[in-house]
Amino acid sequence: ETIKKDFPHVPILLTTGYYQVPARPLEHVVLQKPYDETALLTA
């Protein structure tokens, strides 16, 4: 959210092994762990 506000031109890819989804839908793609080389590069 800070990057979107201060650096709006920089795209963001998030990753997590476990995270409880918040009530508000996330605006960013989330790559689930564990990920492999193909999944990371594709995402």
PDB file of all heavy atoms in Angstrom:
ATOM      1  N   GLU A   1       0.829  -1.204   0.000  1.00  0.00           N
ATOM      2  CA  GLU A   1       0.000   0.000   0.000  1.00  0.00           C
ATOM      3  C   GLU A   1       0.865   1.257   0.000  1.00  0.00           C
ATOM      4  O   GLU A   1       0.545   2.250  -0.665  1.00  0.00           O
ATOM      5  CB  GLU A   1      -0.939  -0.025   1.198  1.00  0.00           C
ATOM      6  CG  GLU A   1      -2.027  -1.089   1.093  1.00  0.00           C
ATOM      7  CD  GLU A   1      -2.870  -1.188   2.349  1.00  0.00           C
ATOM      8  OE1 GLU A   1      -2.470  -0.598   3.377  1.00  0.00           O
ATOM      9  OE2 GLU A   1      -3.923  -1.858   2.310  1.00  0.00           O
ATOM     10  N   THR A   2       1.970   1.215   0.747  1.00  0.00           N
ATOM     11  CA  THR A   2       2.889   2.359   0.768  1.00  0.00           C
ATOM     12  C   THR A   2       3.535   2.560  -0.600  1.00  0.00           C
ATOM     13  O   THR A   2       3.657   3.687  -1.093  1.00  0.00           O
ATOM     14  CB  THR A   2       3.975   2.145   1.842  1.00  0.00           C
ATOM     15  OG1 THR A   2       3.360   1.967   3.113  1.00  0.00           O
ATOM     16  CG2 THR A   2       4.921   3.333   1.897  1.00  0.00           C
ATOM     17  N   ILE A   3       3.947   1.452  -1.224  1.00  0.00           N
ATOM     18  CA  ILE A   3       4.568   1.539  -2.552  1.00  0.00           C
ATOM     19  C   ILE A   3       3.570   2.079  -3.571  1.00  0.00           C
ATOM     20  O   ILE A   3       3.913   2.917  -4.420  1.00  0.00           O
ATOM     21  CB  ILE A   3       5.099   0.160  -2.984  1.00  0.00           C
ATOM     22  CG1 ILE A   3       6.263  -0.275  -2.085  1.00  0.00           C
ATOM     23  CG2 ILE A   3       5.548   0.178  -4.445  1.00  0.00           C
ATOM     24  CD1 ILE A   3       6.723  -1.706  -2.318  1.00  0.00           C
ATOM     25  N   LYS A   4       2.337   1.604  -3.496  1.00  0.00           N
ATOM     26  CA  LYS A   4       1.312   2.068  -4.442  1.00  0.00           C
ATOM     27  C   LYS A   4       1.109   3.568  -4.314  1.00  0.00           C
ATOM     28  O   LYS A   4       0.869   4.267  -5.310  1.00  0.00           O
ATOM     29  CB  LYS A   4       0.004   1.321  -4.182  1.00  0.00           C
ATOM     30  CG  LYS A   4      -1.102   1.687  -5.163  1.00  0.00           C
ATOM     31  CD  LYS A   4      -2.369   0.924  -4.870  1.00  0.00           C
ATOM     32  CE  LYS A   4      -3.476   1.345  -5.836  1.00  0.00           C
ATOM     33  NZ  LYS A   4      -4.742   0.635  -5.553  1.00  0.00           N
ATOM     34  N   LYS A   5       1.214   4.088  -3.094  1.00  0.00           N
ATOM     35  CA  LYS A   5       1.006   5.513  -2.859  1.00  0.00           C
ATOM     36  C   LYS A   5       2.227   6.337  -3.270  1.00  0.00           C
ATOM     37  O   LYS A   5       2.095   7.362  -3.953  1.00  0.00           O
ATOM     38  CB  LYS A   5       0.696   5.743  -1.375  1.00  0.00           C
ATOM     39  CG  LYS A   5       0.538   7.210  -0.996  1.00  0.00           C
ATOM     40  CD  LYS A   5       0.309   7.353   0.501  1.00  0.00           C
ATOM     41  CE  LYS A   5       0.261   8.829   0.907  1.00  0.00           C
ATOM     42  NZ  LYS A   5       0.097   8.987   2.380  1.00  0.00           N
ATOM     43  N   ASP A   6       3.423   5.891  -2.866  1.00  0.00           N
ATOM     44  CA  ASP A   6       4.628   6.702  -3.077  1.00  0.00           C
ATOM     45  C   ASP A   6       5.385   6.356  -4.353  1.00  0.00           C
ATOM     46  O   ASP A   6       6.134   7.181  -4.878  1.00  0.00           O
ATOM     47  CB  ASP A   6       5.572   6.540  -1.879  1.00  0.00           C
ATOM     48  CG  ASP A   6       4.953   7.044  -0.579  1.00  0.00           C
ATOM     49  OD1 ASP A   6       4.021   7.865  -0.657  1.00  0.00           O
ATOM     50  OD2 ASP A   6       5.393   6.608   0.501  1.00  0.00           O
ATOM     51  N   PHE A   7       5.208   5.112  -4.861  1.00  0.00           N
ATOM     52  CA  PHE A   7       5.893   4.685  -6.088  1.00  0.00           C
ATOM     53  C   PHE A   7       4.869   3.993  -6.999  1.00  0.00           C
ATOM     54  O   PHE A   7       4.959   2.786  -7.249  1.00  0.00           O
ATOM     55  CB  PHE A   7       7.047   3.728  -5.757  1.00  0.00           C
ATOM     56  CG  PHE A   7       8.036   4.259  -4.759  1.00  0.00           C
ATOM     57  CD1 PHE A   7       7.875   4.004  -3.395  1.00  0.00           C
ATOM     58  CD2 PHE A   7       9.116   5.025  -5.164  1.00  0.00           C
ATOM     59  CE1 PHE A   7       8.774   4.490  -2.462  1.00  0.00           C
ATOM     60  CE2 PHE A   7      10.031   5.521  -4.236  1.00  0.00           C
ATOM     61  CZ  PHE A   7       9.855   5.256  -2.885  1.00  0.00           C
ATOM     62  N   PRO A   8       3.879   4.724  -7.483  1.00  0.00           N
ATOM     63  CA  PRO A   8       2.757   4.091  -8.210  1.00  0.00           C
ATOM     64  C   PRO A   8       3.158   3.388  -9.495  1.00  0.00           C
ATOM     65  O   PRO A   8       2.411   2.553 -10.003  1.00  0.00           O
ATOM     66  CB  PRO A   8       1.827   5.277  -8.506  1.00  0.00           C
ATOM     67  CG  PRO A   8       2.701   6.488  -8.436  1.00  0.00           C
ATOM     68  CD  PRO A   8       3.740   6.184  -7.398  1.00  0.00           C
ATOM     69  N   HIS A   9       4.339   3.692 -10.016  1.00  0.00           N
ATOM     70  CA  HIS A   9       4.787   3.069 -11.274  1.00  0.00           C
ATOM     71  C   HIS A   9       5.435   1.710 -11.048  1.00  0.00           C
ATOM     72  O   HIS A   9       5.745   1.008 -12.020  1.00  0.00           O
ATOM     73  CB  HIS A   9       5.791   3.986 -11.968  1.00  0.00           C
ATOM     74  CG  HIS A   9       7.042   4.224 -11.159  1.00  0.00           C
ATOM     75  ND1 HIS A   9       7.050   5.061 -10.056  1.00  0.00           N
ATOM     76  CD2 HIS A   9       8.299   3.719 -11.263  1.00  0.00           C
ATOM     77  CE1 HIS A   9       8.267   5.066  -9.534  1.00  0.00           C
ATOM     78  NE2 HIS A   9       9.037   4.264 -10.231  1.00  0.00           N
ATOM     79  N   VAL A  10       5.648   1.309  -9.787  1.00  0.00           N
ATOM     80  CA  VAL A  10       6.350   0.058  -9.487  1.00  0.00           C
ATOM     81  C   VAL A  10       5.325  -1.049  -9.211  1.00  0.00           C
ATOM     82  O   VAL A  10       4.603  -0.989  -8.214  1.00  0.00           O
ATOM     83  CB  VAL A  10       7.288   0.223  -8.276  1.00  0.00           C
ATOM     84  CG1 VAL A  10       7.983  -1.095  -7.951  1.00  0.00           C
ATOM     85  CG2 VAL A  10       8.321   1.309  -8.548  1.00  0.00           C
ATOM     86  N   PRO A  11       5.228  -2.075 -10.061  1.00  0.00           N
ATOM     87  CA  PRO A  11       4.289  -3.177  -9.816  1.00  0.00           C
ATOM     88  C   PRO A  11       4.760  -4.059  -8.661  1.00  0.00           C
ATOM     89  O   PRO A  11       5.963  -4.130  -8.366  1.00  0.00           O
ATOM     90  CB  PRO A  11       4.277  -3.947 -11.139  1.00  0.00           C
ATOM     91  CG  PRO A  11       5.580  -3.625 -11.785  1.00  0.00           C
ATOM     92  CD  PRO A  11       5.936  -2.235 -11.351  1.00  0.00           C
ATOM     93  N   ILE A  12       3.810  -4.747  -8.034  1.00  0.00           N
ATOM     94  CA  ILE A  12       4.100  -5.515  -6.813  1.00  0.00           C
ATOM     95  C   ILE A  12       3.564  -6.928  -6.953  1.00  0.00           C
ATOM     96  O   ILE A  12       2.414  -7.131  -7.348  1.00  0.00           O
ATOM     97  CB  ILE A  12       3.449  -4.839  -5.584  1.00  0.00           C
ATOM     98  CG1 ILE A  12       3.910  -3.382  -5.466  1.00  0.00           C
ATOM     99  CG2 ILE A  12       3.769  -5.613  -4.311  1.00  0.00           C
ATOM    100  CD1 ILE A  12       2.909  -2.494  -4.786  1.00  0.00           C
ATOM    101  N   LEU A  13       4.387  -7.908  -6.616  1.00  0.00           N
ATOM    102  CA  LEU A  13       3.981  -9.306  -6.524  1.00  0.00           C
ATOM    103  C   LEU A  13       4.202  -9.754  -5.086  1.00  0.00           C
ATOM    104  O   LEU A  13       5.304  -9.615  -4.547  1.00  0.00           O
ATOM    105  CB  LEU A  13       4.810 -10.175  -7.483  1.00  0.00           C
ATOM    106  CG  LEU A  13       4.625 -11.690  -7.359  1.00  0.00           C
ATOM    107  CD1 LEU A  13       3.200 -12.088  -7.720  1.00  0.00           C
ATOM    108  CD2 LEU A  13       5.631 -12.432  -8.240  1.00  0.00           C
ATOM    109  N   LEU A  14       3.140 -10.268  -4.451  1.00  0.00           N
ATOM    110  CA  LEU A  14       3.236 -10.728  -3.069  1.00  0.00           C
ATOM    111  C   LEU A  14       3.324 -12.252  -3.022  1.00  0.00           C
ATOM    112  O   LEU A  14       2.896 -12.938  -3.952  1.00  0.00           O
ATOM    113  CB  LEU A  14       2.019 -10.264  -2.272  1.00  0.00           C
ATOM    114  CG  LEU A  14       1.836  -8.748  -2.123  1.00  0.00           C
ATOM    115  CD1 LEU A  14       0.522  -8.429  -1.434  1.00  0.00           C
ATOM    116  CD2 LEU A  14       2.998  -8.140  -1.348  1.00  0.00           C
ATOM    117  N   THR A  15       3.861 -12.771  -1.930  1.00  0.00           N
ATOM    118  CA  THR A  15       3.943 -14.218  -1.737  1.00  0.00           C
ATOM    119  C   THR A  15       3.708 -14.545  -0.274  1.00  0.00           C
ATOM    120  O   THR A  15       3.949 -13.707   0.611  1.00  0.00           O
ATOM    121  CB  THR A  15       5.310 -14.763  -2.189  1.00  0.00           C
ATOM    122  OG1 THR A  15       5.306 -16.201  -2.076  1.00  0.00           O
ATOM    123  CG2 THR A  15       6.440 -14.212  -1.338  1.00  0.00           C
ATOM    124  N   THR A  16       3.209 -15.749  -0.020  1.00  0.00           N
ATOM    125  CA  THR A  16       2.967 -16.150   1.364  1.00  0.00           C
ATOM    126  C   THR A  16       2.820 -17.661   1.445  1.00  0.00           C
ATOM    127  O   THR A  16       2.406 -18.310   0.480  1.00  0.00           O
ATOM    128  CB  THR A  16       1.701 -15.478   1.931  1.00  0.00           C
ATOM    129  OG1 THR A  16       1.582 -15.797   3.320  1.00  0.00           O
ATOM    130  CG2 THR A  16       0.450 -15.935   1.211  1.00  0.00           C
ATOM    131  N   GLY A  17       3.182 -18.206   2.586  1.00  0.00           N
ATOM    132  CA  GLY A  17       2.922 -19.607   2.853  1.00  0.00           C
ATOM    133  C   GLY A  17       1.595 -19.790   3.555  1.00  0.00           C
ATOM    134  O   GLY A  17       0.900 -20.772   3.383  1.00  0.00           O
ATOM    135  N   TYR A  18       1.226 -18.791   4.352  1.00  0.00           N
ATOM    136  CA  TYR A  18      -0.080 -18.788   5.015  1.00  0.00           C
ATOM    137  C   TYR A  18      -0.398 -17.361   5.399  1.00  0.00           C
ATOM    138  O   TYR A  18       0.421 -16.658   5.988  1.00  0.00           O
ATOM    139  CB  TYR A  18      -0.101 -19.636   6.283  1.00  0.00           C
ATOM    140  CG  TYR A  18      -1.379 -19.419   7.081  1.00  0.00           C
ATOM    141  CD1 TYR A  18      -2.569 -20.009   6.668  1.00  0.00           C
ATOM    142  CD2 TYR A  18      -1.392 -18.587   8.194  1.00  0.00           C
ATOM    143  CE1 TYR A  18      -3.744 -19.790   7.367  1.00  0.00           C
ATOM    144  CE2 TYR A  18      -2.565 -18.370   8.902  1.00  0.00           C
ATOM    145  CZ  TYR A  18      -3.741 -18.978   8.484  1.00  0.00           C
ATOM    146  OH  TYR A  18      -4.902 -18.756   9.163  1.00  0.00           O
ATOM    147  N   TYR A  19      -1.593 -16.930   5.016  1.00  0.00           N
ATOM    148  CA  TYR A  19      -2.050 -15.609   5.433  1.00  0.00           C
ATOM    149  C   TYR A  19      -3.557 -15.599   5.395  1.00  0.00           C
ATOM    150  O   TYR A  19      -4.162 -16.038   4.425  1.00  0.00           O
ATOM    151  CB  TYR A  19      -1.502 -14.513   4.514  1.00  0.00           C
ATOM    152  CG  TYR A  19      -1.919 -13.117   4.936  1.00  0.00           C
ATOM    153  CD1 TYR A  19      -1.380 -12.546   6.074  1.00  0.00           C
ATOM    154  CD2 TYR A  19      -2.868 -12.411   4.209  1.00  0.00           C
ATOM    155  CE1 TYR A  19      -1.770 -11.271   6.477  1.00  0.00           C
ATOM    156  CE2 TYR A  19      -3.256 -11.144   4.607  1.00  0.00           C
ATOM    157  CZ  TYR A  19      -2.699 -10.577   5.743  1.00  0.00           C
ATOM    158  OH  TYR A  19      -3.093  -9.330   6.141  1.00  0.00           O
ATOM    159  N   GLN A  20      -4.174 -15.133   6.459  1.00  0.00           N
ATOM    160  CA  GLN A  20      -5.632 -15.062   6.501  1.00  0.00           C
ATOM    161  C   GLN A  20      -6.092 -13.914   5.614  1.00  0.00           C
ATOM    162  O   GLN A  20      -5.714 -12.762   5.827  1.00  0.00           O
ATOM    163  CB  GLN A  20      -6.116 -14.835   7.928  1.00  0.00           C
ATOM    164  CG  GLN A  20      -7.644 -14.908   8.050  1.00  0.00           C
ATOM    165  CD  GLN A  20      -8.087 -14.844   9.495  1.00  0.00           C
ATOM    166  OE1 GLN A  20      -7.259 -14.738  10.385  1.00  0.00           O
ATOM    167  NE2 GLN A  20      -9.374 -14.911   9.708  1.00  0.00           N
ATOM    168  N   VAL A  21      -6.908 -14.232   4.628  1.00  0.00           N
ATOM    169  CA  VAL A  21      -7.347 -13.221   3.670  1.00  0.00           C
ATOM    170  C   VAL A  21      -8.178 -12.166   4.389  1.00  0.00           C
ATOM    171  O   VAL A  21      -9.110 -12.487   5.117  1.00  0.00           O
ATOM    172  CB  VAL A  21      -8.186 -13.860   2.545  1.00  0.00           C
ATOM    173  CG1 VAL A  21      -8.672 -12.795   1.568  1.00  0.00           C
ATOM    174  CG2 VAL A  21      -7.352 -14.890   1.815  1.00  0.00           C
ATOM    175  N   PRO A  22      -7.857 -10.868   4.193  1.00  0.00           N
ATOM    176  CA  PRO A  22      -8.615  -9.821   4.870  1.00  0.00           C
ATOM    177  C   PRO A  22      -9.999  -9.661   4.273  1.00  0.00           C
ATOM    178  O   PRO A  22     -10.303 -10.186   3.209  1.00  0.00           O
ATOM    179  CB  PRO A  22      -7.752  -8.573   4.617  1.00  0.00           C
ATOM    180  CG  PRO A  22      -7.049  -8.865   3.329  1.00  0.00           C
ATOM    181  CD  PRO A  22      -6.794 -10.343   3.353  1.00  0.00           C
ATOM    182  N   ALA A  23     -10.857  -8.913   4.993  1.00  0.00           N
ATOM    183  CA  ALA A  23     -12.225  -8.696   4.506  1.00  0.00           C
ATOM    184  C   ALA A  23     -12.211  -7.957   3.173  1.00  0.00           C
ATOM    185  O   ALA A  23     -13.007  -8.220   2.289  1.00  0.00           O
ATOM    186  CB  ALA A  23     -13.020  -7.890   5.539  1.00  0.00           C
ATOM    187  N   ARG A  24     -11.276  -7.006   3.015  1.00  0.00           N
ATOM    188  CA  ARG A  24     -11.181  -6.285   1.756  1.00  0.00           C
ATOM    189  C   ARG A  24     -10.325  -7.080   0.786  1.00  0.00           C
ATOM    190  O   ARG A  24      -9.209  -7.476   1.110  1.00  0.00           O
ATOM    191  CB  ARG A  24     -10.552  -4.909   1.979  1.00  0.00           C
ATOM    192  CG  ARG A  24     -10.514  -4.063   0.719  1.00  0.00           C
ATOM    193  CD  ARG A  24      -9.883  -2.720   0.985  1.00  0.00           C
ATOM    194  NE  ARG A  24      -8.473  -2.848   1.328  1.00  0.00           N
ATOM    195  CZ  ARG A  24      -7.674  -1.823   1.590  1.00  0.00           C
ATOM    196  NH1 ARG A  24      -8.151  -0.608   1.579  1.00  0.00           N
ATOM    197  NH2 ARG A  24      -6.411  -2.014   1.899  1.00  0.00           N
ATOM    198  N   PRO A  25     -10.792  -7.336  -0.442  1.00  0.00           N
ATOM    199  CA  PRO A  25     -10.025  -8.129  -1.389  1.00  0.00           C
ATOM    200  C   PRO A  25      -8.680  -7.473  -1.702  1.00  0.00           C
ATOM    201  O   PRO A  25      -8.571  -6.248  -1.798  1.00  0.00           O
ATOM    202  CB  PRO A  25     -10.924  -8.156  -2.637  1.00  0.00           C
ATOM    203  CG  PRO A  25     -12.287  -7.840  -2.140  1.00  0.00           C
ATOM    204  CD  PRO A  25     -12.104  -6.943  -0.962  1.00  0.00           C
ATOM    205  N   LEU A  26      -7.626  -8.301  -1.819  1.00  0.00           N
ATOM    206  CA  LEU A  26      -6.305  -7.780  -2.155  1.00  0.00           C
ATOM    207  C   LEU A  26      -6.286  -7.303  -3.603  1.00  0.00           C
ATOM    208  O   LEU A  26      -6.897  -7.897  -4.483  1.00  0.00           O
ATOM    209  CB  LEU A  26      -5.245  -8.867  -1.961  1.00  0.00           C
ATOM    210  CG  LEU A  26      -5.002  -9.319  -0.523  1.00  0.00           C
ATOM    211  CD1 LEU A  26      -3.965 -10.426  -0.499  1.00  0.00           C
ATOM    212  CD2 LEU A  26      -4.556  -8.169   0.346  1.00  0.00           C
ATOM    213  N   GLU A  27      -5.557  -6.203  -3.843  1.00  0.00           N
ATOM    214  CA  GLU A  27      -5.454  -5.660  -5.193  1.00  0.00           C
ATOM    215  C   GLU A  27      -4.264  -6.248  -5.936  1.00  0.00           C
ATOM    216  O   GLU A  27      -4.068  -5.944  -7.110  1.00  0.00           O
ATOM    217  CB  GLU A  27      -5.319  -4.134  -5.133  1.00  0.00           C
ATOM    218  CG  GLU A  27      -6.527  -3.444  -4.512  1.00  0.00           C
ATOM    219  CD  GLU A  27      -6.362  -1.938  -4.469  1.00  0.00           C
ATOM    220  OE1 GLU A  27      -5.323  -1.450  -4.967  1.00  0.00           O
ATOM    221  OE2 GLU A  27      -7.256  -1.254  -3.950  1.00  0.00           O
ATOM    222  N   HIS A  28      -3.455  -7.053  -5.273  1.00  0.00           N
ATOM    223  CA  HIS A  28      -2.230  -7.556  -5.881  1.00  0.00           C
ATOM    224  C   HIS A  28      -2.286  -9.076  -6.021  1.00  0.00           C
ATOM    225  O   HIS A  28      -2.952  -9.764  -5.253  1.00  0.00           O
ATOM    226  CB  HIS A  28      -1.015  -7.167  -5.021  1.00  0.00           C
ATOM    227  CG  HIS A  28      -0.974  -5.713  -4.663  1.00  0.00           C
ATOM    228  ND1 HIS A  28      -0.589  -4.748  -5.553  1.00  0.00           N
ATOM    229  CD2 HIS A  28      -1.305  -5.069  -3.516  1.00  0.00           C
ATOM    230  CE1 HIS A  28      -0.665  -3.554  -4.962  1.00  0.00           C
ATOM    231  NE2 HIS A  28      -1.093  -3.729  -3.732  1.00  0.00           N
ATOM    232  N   VAL A  29      -1.570  -9.583  -7.029  1.00  0.00           N
ATOM    233  CA  VAL A  29      -1.462 -11.029  -7.213  1.00  0.00           C
ATOM    234  C   VAL A  29      -0.663 -11.616  -6.053  1.00  0.00           C
ATOM    235  O   VAL A  29       0.325 -11.024  -5.609  1.00  0.00           O
ATOM    236  CB  VAL A  29      -0.768 -11.338  -8.555  1.00  0.00           C
ATOM    237  CG1 VAL A  29      -0.519 -12.841  -8.684  1.00  0.00           C
ATOM    238  CG2 VAL A  29      -1.617 -10.842  -9.708  1.00  0.00           C
ATOM    239  N   VAL A  30      -1.084 -12.766  -5.551  1.00  0.00           N
ATOM    240  CA  VAL A  30      -0.386 -13.426  -4.450  1.00  0.00           C
ATOM    241  C   VAL A  30       0.091 -14.793  -4.930  1.00  0.00           C
ATOM    242  O   VAL A  30      -0.715 -15.629  -5.336  1.00  0.00           O
ATOM    243  CB  VAL A  30      -1.292 -13.592  -3.212  1.00  0.00           C
ATOM    244  CG1 VAL A  30      -0.545 -14.327  -2.112  1.00  0.00           C
ATOM    245  CG2 VAL A  30      -1.760 -12.230  -2.718  1.00  0.00           C
ATOM    246  N   LEU A  31       1.396 -15.017  -4.893  1.00  0.00           N
ATOM    247  CA  LEU A  31       1.999 -16.297  -5.257  1.00  0.00           C
ATOM    248  C   LEU A  31       2.122 -17.144  -3.992  1.00  0.00           C
ATOM    249  O   LEU A  31       2.767 -16.747  -3.022  1.00  0.00           O
ATOM    250  CB  LEU A  31       3.383 -16.057  -5.873  1.00  0.00           C
ATOM    251  CG  LEU A  31       4.196 -17.294  -6.254  1.00  0.00           C
ATOM    252  CD1 LEU A  31       3.503 -18.063  -7.371  1.00  0.00           C
ATOM    253  CD2 LEU A  31       5.609 -16.903  -6.659  1.00  0.00           C
ATOM    254  N   GLN A  32       1.491 -18.304  -4.014  1.00  0.00           N
ATOM    255  CA  GLN A  32       1.495 -19.163  -2.834  1.00  0.00           C
ATOM    256  C   GLN A  32       2.819 -19.927  -2.720  1.00  0.00           C
ATOM    257  O   GLN A  32       3.364 -20.403  -3.705  1.00  0.00           O
ATOM    258  CB  GLN A  32       0.341 -20.158  -2.905  1.00  0.00           C
ATOM    259  CG  GLN A  32      -1.044 -19.511  -2.826  1.00  0.00           C
ATOM    260  CD  GLN A  32      -1.322 -18.894  -1.465  1.00  0.00           C
ATOM    261  OE1 GLN A  32      -0.809 -19.363  -0.450  1.00  0.00           O
ATOM    262  NE2 GLN A  32      -2.118 -17.845  -1.445  1.00  0.00           N
ATOM    263  N   LYS A  33       3.322 -20.008  -1.484  1.00  0.00           N
ATOM    264  CA  LYS A  33       4.474 -20.868  -1.202  1.00  0.00           C
ATOM    265  C   LYS A  33       3.970 -22.276  -0.891  1.00  0.00           C
ATOM    266  O   LYS A  33       2.877 -22.420  -0.335  1.00  0.00           O
ATOM    267  CB  LYS A  33       5.246 -20.333   0.010  1.00  0.00           C
ATOM    268  CG  LYS A  33       5.912 -18.984  -0.198  1.00  0.00           C
ATOM    269  CD  LYS A  33       6.619 -18.553   1.078  1.00  0.00           C
ATOM    270  CE  LYS A  33       7.313 -17.215   0.936  1.00  0.00           C
ATOM    271  NZ  LYS A  33       7.955 -16.780   2.191  1.00  0.00           N
ATOM    272  N   PRO A  34       4.724 -23.308  -1.208  1.00  0.00           N
ATOM    273  CA  PRO A  34       6.008 -23.248  -1.898  1.00  0.00           C
ATOM    274  C   PRO A  34       5.830 -23.005  -3.387  1.00  0.00           C
ATOM    275  O   PRO A  34       4.876 -23.487  -3.987  1.00  0.00           O
ATOM    276  CB  PRO A  34       6.594 -24.649  -1.644  1.00  0.00           C
ATOM    277  CG  PRO A  34       5.387 -25.521  -1.502  1.00  0.00           C
ATOM    278  CD  PRO A  34       4.337 -24.678  -0.834  1.00  0.00           C
ATOM    279  N   TYR A  35       6.719 -22.226  -3.975  1.00  0.00           N
ATOM    280  CA  TYR A  35       6.700 -21.976  -5.410  1.00  0.00           C
ATOM    281  C   TYR A  35       7.998 -22.496  -6.019  1.00  0.00           C
ATOM    282  O   TYR A  35       9.024 -22.609  -5.337  1.00  0.00           O
ATOM    283  CB  TYR A  35       6.523 -20.491  -5.707  1.00  0.00           C
ATOM    284  CG  TYR A  35       7.552 -19.587  -5.044  1.00  0.00           C
ATOM    285  CD1 TYR A  35       8.840 -19.449  -5.557  1.00  0.00           C
ATOM    286  CD2 TYR A  35       7.224 -18.862  -3.899  1.00  0.00           C
ATOM    287  CE1 TYR A  35       9.776 -18.620  -4.956  1.00  0.00           C
ATOM    288  CE2 TYR A  35       8.155 -18.035  -3.279  1.00  0.00           C
ATOM    289  CZ  TYR A  35       9.429 -17.912  -3.816  1.00  0.00           C
ATOM    290  OH  TYR A  35      10.351 -17.105  -3.217  1.00  0.00           O
ATOM    291  N   ASP A  36       7.945 -22.826  -7.309  1.00  0.00           N
ATOM    292  CA  ASP A  36       9.161 -23.250  -7.994  1.00  0.00           C
ATOM    293  C   ASP A  36       9.599 -22.162  -8.968  1.00  0.00           C
ATOM    294  O   ASP A  36       9.001 -21.080  -9.030  1.00  0.00           O
ATOM    295  CB  ASP A  36       8.956 -24.589  -8.720  1.00  0.00           C
ATOM    296  CG  ASP A  36       7.830 -24.528  -9.744  1.00  0.00           C
ATOM    297  OD1 ASP A  36       7.387 -23.417 -10.089  1.00  0.00           O
ATOM    298  OD2 ASP A  36       7.385 -25.600 -10.192  1.00  0.00           O
ATOM    299  N   GLU A  37      10.633 -22.441  -9.717  1.00  0.00           N
ATOM    300  CA  GLU A  37      11.186 -21.451 -10.642  1.00  0.00           C
ATOM    301  C   GLU A  37      10.152 -21.004 -11.663  1.00  0.00           C
ATOM    302  O   GLU A  37       9.974 -19.805 -11.916  1.00  0.00           O
ATOM    303  CB  GLU A  37      12.410 -22.055 -11.353  1.00  0.00           C
ATOM    304  CG  GLU A  37      13.072 -21.102 -12.334  1.00  0.00           C
ATOM    305  CD  GLU A  37      14.274 -21.739 -13.003  1.00  0.00           C
ATOM    306  OE1 GLU A  37      14.355 -22.978 -13.009  1.00  0.00           O
ATOM    307  OE2 GLU A  37      15.124 -21.003 -13.520  1.00  0.00           O
ATOM    308  N   THR A  38       9.427 -21.967 -12.226  1.00  0.00           N
ATOM    309  CA  THR A  38       8.439 -21.644 -13.256  1.00  0.00           C
ATOM    310  C   THR A  38       7.334 -20.765 -12.698  1.00  0.00           C
ATOM    311  O   THR A  38       6.931 -19.771 -13.313  1.00  0.00           O
ATOM    312  CB  THR A  38       7.831 -22.929 -13.839  1.00  0.00           C
ATOM    313  OG1 THR A  38       8.872 -23.713 -14.409  1.00  0.00           O
ATOM    314  CG2 THR A  38       6.804 -22.615 -14.907  1.00  0.00           C
ATOM    315  N   ALA A  39       6.831 -21.112 -11.512  1.00  0.00           N
ATOM    316  CA  ALA A  39       5.731 -20.340 -10.918  1.00  0.00           C
ATOM    317  C   ALA A  39       6.159 -18.907 -10.629  1.00  0.00           C
ATOM    318  O   ALA A  39       5.412 -17.952 -10.904  1.00  0.00           O
ATOM    319  CB  ALA A  39       5.251 -21.016  -9.637  1.00  0.00           C
ATOM    320  N   LEU A  40       7.374 -18.722 -10.086  1.00  0.00           N
ATOM    321  CA  LEU A  40       7.844 -17.376  -9.762  1.00  0.00           C
ATOM    322  C   LEU A  40       8.026 -16.538 -11.022  1.00  0.00           C
ATOM    323  O   LEU A  40       7.563 -15.397 -11.103  1.00  0.00           O
ATOM    324  CB  LEU A  40       9.156 -17.451  -8.971  1.00  0.00           C
ATOM    325  CG  LEU A  40       9.868 -16.105  -8.720  1.00  0.00           C
ATOM    326  CD1 LEU A  40       8.929 -15.110  -8.053  1.00  0.00           C
ATOM    327  CD2 LEU A  40      11.124 -16.315  -7.889  1.00  0.00           C
ATOM    328  N   LEU A  41       8.698 -17.098 -12.032  1.00  0.00           N
ATOM    329  CA  LEU A  41       8.960 -16.328 -13.250  1.00  0.00           C
ATOM    330  C   LEU A  41       7.665 -16.013 -13.991  1.00  0.00           C
ATOM    331  O   LEU A  41       7.492 -14.923 -14.539  1.00  0.00           O
ATOM    332  CB  LEU A  41       9.928 -17.085 -14.157  1.00  0.00           C
ATOM    333  CG  LEU A  41      11.341 -17.278 -13.592  1.00  0.00           C
ATOM    334  CD1 LEU A  41      12.205 -18.063 -14.570  1.00  0.00           C
ATOM    335  CD2 LEU A  41      11.986 -15.937 -13.268  1.00  0.00           C
ATOM    336  N   THR A  42       6.726 -16.952 -14.006  1.00  0.00           N
ATOM    337  CA  THR A  42       5.444 -16.718 -14.676  1.00  0.00           C
ATOM    338  C   THR A  42       4.669 -15.630 -13.957  1.00  0.00           C
ATOM    339  O   THR A  42       4.102 -14.731 -14.593  1.00  0.00           O
ATOM    340  CB  THR A  42       4.622 -18.004 -14.715  1.00  0.00           C
ATOM    341  OG1 THR A  42       5.356 -19.018 -15.412  1.00  0.00           O
ATOM    342  CG2 THR A  42       3.297 -17.785 -15.433  1.00  0.00           C
ATOM    343  N   ALA A  43       4.610 -15.717 -12.632  1.00  0.00           N
ATOM    344  CA  ALA A  43       3.873 -14.714 -11.860  1.00  0.00           C
ATOM    345  C   ALA A  43       4.501 -13.342 -12.022  1.00  0.00           C
ATOM    346  O   ALA A  43       3.790 -12.325 -12.158  1.00  0.00           O
ATOM    347  CB  ALA A  43       3.859 -15.114 -10.384  1.00  0.00           C
TER     348      ALA A  43
END
